[in-house]
C-alpha atoms as a PDB file:
ATOM      1  CA  MET A   1     154.739  24.570  52.193  1.00  0.00           C
ATOM      2  CA  THR A   2     158.080  24.062  50.456  1.00  0.00           C
ATOM      3  CA  PRO A   3     157.908  23.934  46.654  1.00  0.00           C
ATOM      4  CA  ILE A   4     158.968  20.662  45.064  1.00  0.00           C
ATOM      5  CA  ASP A   5     162.016  20.808  42.832  1.00  0.00           C
ATOM      6  CA  LEU A   6     160.890  19.645  39.392  1.00  0.00           C
ATOM      7  CA  SER A   7     164.142  20.372  37.578  1.00  0.00           C
ATOM      8  CA  PHE A   8     164.905  16.645  37.220  1.00  0.00           C
ATOM      9  CA  PHE A   9     161.914  16.237  34.890  1.00  0.00           C
ATOM     10  CA  ARG A  10     163.443  18.784  32.506  1.00  0.00           C
ATOM     11  CA  SER A  11     166.966  17.406  32.754  1.00  0.00           C
ATOM     12  CA  GLU A  12     168.875  15.681  29.992  1.00  0.00           C
ATOM     13  CA  THR A  13     168.757  12.417  31.965  1.00  0.00           C
ATOM     14  CA  SER A  14     164.985  12.449  32.300  1.00  0.00           C
ATOM     15  CA  GLN A  15     164.582  13.300  28.629  1.00  0.00           C
ATOM     16  CA  ARG A  16     166.869  10.379  27.694  1.00  0.00           C
ATOM     17  CA  LEU A  17     164.922   8.011  29.962  1.00  0.00           C
ATOM     18  CA  ARG A  18     161.612   9.119  28.441  1.00  0.00           C
ATOM     19  CA  GLU A  19     162.992   8.581  24.937  1.00  0.00           C
ATOM     20  CA  GLU A  20     164.264   5.105  25.880  1.00  0.00           C
ATOM     21  CA  GLY A  21     160.821   4.290  27.259  1.00  0.00           C
ATOM     22  CA  ARG A  22     159.141   5.477  24.075  1.00  0.00           C
ATOM     23  CA  THR A  23     161.513   3.388  21.960  1.00  0.00           C
ATOM     24  CA  GLU A  24     160.924   0.283  24.087  1.00  0.00           C
ATOM     25  CA  GLY A  25     157.180   0.858  23.863  1.00  0.00           C
ATOM     26  CA  LEU A  26     157.318   1.151  20.083  1.00  0.00           C
ATOM     27  CA  ILE A  27     159.345  -2.032  19.751  1.00  0.00           C
ATOM     28  CA  GLU A  28     156.980  -3.898  22.063  1.00  0.00           C
ATOM     29  CA  GLY A  29     153.974  -2.563  20.165  1.00  0.00           C
ATOM     30  CA  GLU A  30     155.462  -3.660  16.846  1.00  0.00           C
ATOM     31  CA  ALA A  31     156.108  -7.165  18.168  1.00  0.00           C
ATOM     32  CA  LYS A  32     152.531  -7.456  19.442  1.00  0.00           C
ATOM     33  CA  GLY A  33     151.196  -6.224  16.111  1.00  0.00           C
ATOM     34  CA  GLU A  34     153.297  -8.736  14.200  1.00  0.00           C
ATOM     35  CA  ALA A  35     152.124 -11.552  16.482  1.00  0.00           C
ATOM     36  CA  LYS A  36     148.477 -10.599  15.936  1.00  0.00           C
ATOM     37  CA  THR A  37     148.978 -10.447  12.177  1.00  0.00           C
ATOM     38  CA  THR A  38     150.673 -13.846  12.080  1.00  0.00           C
ATOM     39  CA  ALA A  39     147.922 -15.360  14.255  1.00  0.00           C
ATOM     40  CA  ARG A  40     145.290 -13.958  11.881  1.00  0.00           C
ATOM     41  CA  ASN A  41     147.201 -15.407   8.936  1.00  0.00           C
ATOM     42  CA  ILE A  42     147.329 -18.848  10.556  1.00  0.00           C
ATOM     43  CA  LEU A  43     143.583 -18.778  11.135  1.00  0.00           C
ATOM     44  CA  ARG A  44     142.970 -17.571   7.597  1.00  0.00           C
ATOM     45  CA  VAL A  45     145.077 -20.321   6.033  1.00  0.00           C
ATOM     46  CA  LEU A  46     143.263 -22.940   8.098  1.00  0.00           C
ATOM     47  CA  GLU A  47     139.884 -21.437   7.202  1.00  0.00           C
ATOM     48  CA  ARG A  48     140.675 -21.280   3.477  1.00  0.00           C
ATOM     49  CA  ARG A  49     141.795 -24.908   3.582  1.00  0.00           C
ATOM     50  CA  GLY A  50     138.553 -25.921   5.308  1.00  0.00           C
ATOM     51  CA  VAL A  51     140.236 -26.928   8.567  1.00  0.00           C
ATOM     52  CA  THR A  52     137.924 -26.469  11.546  1.00  0.00           C
ATOM     53  CA  VAL A  53     139.459 -24.458  14.387  1.00  0.00           C
ATOM     54  CA  GLY A  54     137.981 -25.065  17.828  1.00  0.00           C
ATOM     55  CA  ASP A  55     137.812 -22.420  20.521  1.00  0.00           C
ATOM     56  CA  ASP A  56     140.790 -23.865  22.447  1.00  0.00           C
ATOM     57  CA  ALA A  57     143.020 -23.867  19.352  1.00  0.00           C
ATOM     58  CA  ARG A  58     141.831 -20.381  18.339  1.00  0.00           C
ATOM     59  CA  ASP A  59     142.575 -19.042  21.835  1.00  0.00           C
ATOM     60  CA  ARG A  60     145.997 -20.668  21.863  1.00  0.00           C
ATOM     61  CA  ILE A  61     146.880 -19.195  18.475  1.00  0.00           C
ATOM     62  CA  THR A  62     145.582 -15.684  19.192  1.00  0.00           C
ATOM     63  CA  SER A  63     147.155 -15.472  22.653  1.00  0.00           C
ATOM     64  CA  CYS A  64     150.625 -16.609  21.555  1.00  0.00           C
ATOM     65  CA  THR A  65     153.279 -13.894  21.472  1.00  0.00           C
ATOM     66  CA  ASP A  66     156.276 -16.083  20.533  1.00  0.00           C
ATOM     67  CA  ARG A  67     157.177 -15.038  17.000  1.00  0.00           C
ATOM     68  CA  HIS A  68     159.101 -18.230  16.251  1.00  0.00           C
ATOM     69  CA  MET A  69     156.262 -20.444  17.449  1.00  0.00           C
ATOM     70  CA  LEU A  70     153.721 -18.508  15.401  1.00  0.00           C
ATOM     71  CA  GLU A  71     155.897 -18.775  12.290  1.00  0.00           C
ATOM     72  CA  SER A  72     156.222 -22.518  12.858  1.00  0.00           C
ATOM     73  CA  TRP A  73     152.439 -22.837  13.205  1.00  0.00           C
ATOM     74  CA  LEU A  74     151.950 -20.792  10.032  1.00  0.00           C
ATOM     75  CA  ASP A  75     154.235 -23.177   8.136  1.00  0.00           C
ATOM     76  CA  ARG A  76     152.311 -26.171   9.498  1.00  0.00           C
ATOM     77  CA  ALA A  77     148.926 -24.583   8.723  1.00  0.00           C
ATOM     78  CA  VAL A  78     149.617 -25.206   5.044  1.00  0.00           C
ATOM     79  CA  THR A  79     149.630 -28.994   5.466  1.00  0.00           C
ATOM     80  CA  VAL A  80     147.722 -30.026   8.627  1.00  0.00           C
ATOM     81  CA  THR A  81     144.315 -31.660   8.424  1.00  0.00           C
ATOM     82  CA  ALA A  82     143.273 -30.662  11.956  1.00  0.00           C
ATOM     83  CA  ALA A  83     144.096 -27.484  13.878  1.00  0.00           C
ATOM     84  CA  THR A  84     145.392 -29.512  16.829  1.00  0.00           C
ATOM     85  CA  GLU A  85     148.168 -30.842  14.581  1.00  0.00           C
ATOM     86  CA  LEU A  86     149.754 -27.393  14.706  1.00  0.00           C
ATOM     87  CA  PHE A  87     150.769 -28.034  18.294  1.00  0.00           C
ATOM     88  CA  GLU A  88     151.895 -31.670  18.071  1.00  0.00           C
ATOM     89  CA  SER A  89     155.641 -31.282  17.560  1.00  0.00           C
ATOM     90  CA  GLU A  90     156.223 -28.654  20.238  1.00  0.00           C
END
């Protein structure tokens, strides 16, 4: 059996590609973490204001990954009287 040449995996190119992948992964992980934090903050504001959040609204908020949308919902959470109002001007 012929040995497989593994030199590519030690090459400068492969090291650069691995580093780029790590960097992309870190950036993606940060964005997901920020989205989760903002979603938690929206829910907390609504809770503290006594606004009931149904399962559909909670799922929509916690599954959203659009930073701008989440920030908009957080701004609206301060004034809405029902959780569904967060989504009305989309």
